[in-house]
Amino acid sequence: MGYVFGLRGSREAAVQAEALEAKALMCLRRLARPEGSDPTVL
């Protein structure tokens, strides 16, 4: 989601990018919600 790698053998890099993106989205979601709300809930 969001990152496309055209080189072979870059699967690990893609996985790491996905993980970083997921963490960033989680942090943004947490900041956007009031204190005490569940950050895992969309």
Protein backbone atom coordinates (compact mmCIF):
# COMPACT_ATOMS: atom_id res chain seq x y z
CA MET A 1 0.00 0.00 0.00
CA GLY A 2 1.65 3.16 -1.17
CA TYR A 3 5.08 1.74 -1.92
CA VAL A 4 5.99 -0.04 -5.15
CA PHE A 5 9.39 -1.65 -5.66
CA GLY A 6 10.39 -2.65 -9.17
CA LEU A 7 13.62 -4.42 -8.24
CA ARG A 8 13.84 -8.13 -7.57
CA GLY A 9 14.84 -9.18 -4.07
CA SER A 10 13.31 -6.06 -2.54
CA ARG A 11 10.51 -7.98 -0.85
CA GLU A 12 12.00 -7.36 2.60
CA ALA A 13 12.35 -3.65 1.88
CA ALA A 14 8.72 -3.55 0.79
CA VAL A 15 7.63 -5.35 3.96
CA GLN A 16 9.60 -2.90 6.10
CA ALA A 17 8.07 0.05 4.24
CA GLU A 18 4.60 -1.39 4.81
CA ALA A 19 5.35 -1.77 8.52
CA LEU A 20 6.60 1.81 8.78
CA GLU A 21 3.54 3.08 6.93
CA ALA A 22 1.25 1.11 9.24
CA LYS A 23 3.02 2.55 12.30
CA ALA A 24 2.74 6.07 10.91
CA LEU A 25 -0.97 5.63 10.24
CA MET A 26 -1.47 4.24 13.74
CA CYS A 27 0.34 7.22 15.29
CA LEU A 28 -1.68 9.70 13.23
CA ARG A 29 -4.90 7.92 14.17
CA ARG A 30 -3.90 8.03 17.83
CA LEU A 31 -3.14 11.76 17.64
CA ALA A 32 -6.41 12.45 15.84
CA ARG A 33 -8.47 10.78 18.57
CA PRO A 34 -9.17 12.01 22.11
CA GLU A 35 -7.37 10.47 25.09
CA GLY A 36 -8.53 7.05 26.22
CA SER A 37 -10.02 5.94 22.90
CA ASP A 38 -8.92 2.69 21.30
CA PRO A 39 -6.28 3.47 18.61
CA THR A 40 -6.89 0.13 16.89
CA VAL A 41 -10.47 1.02 16.00
CA LEU A 42 -11.09 2.70 12.67
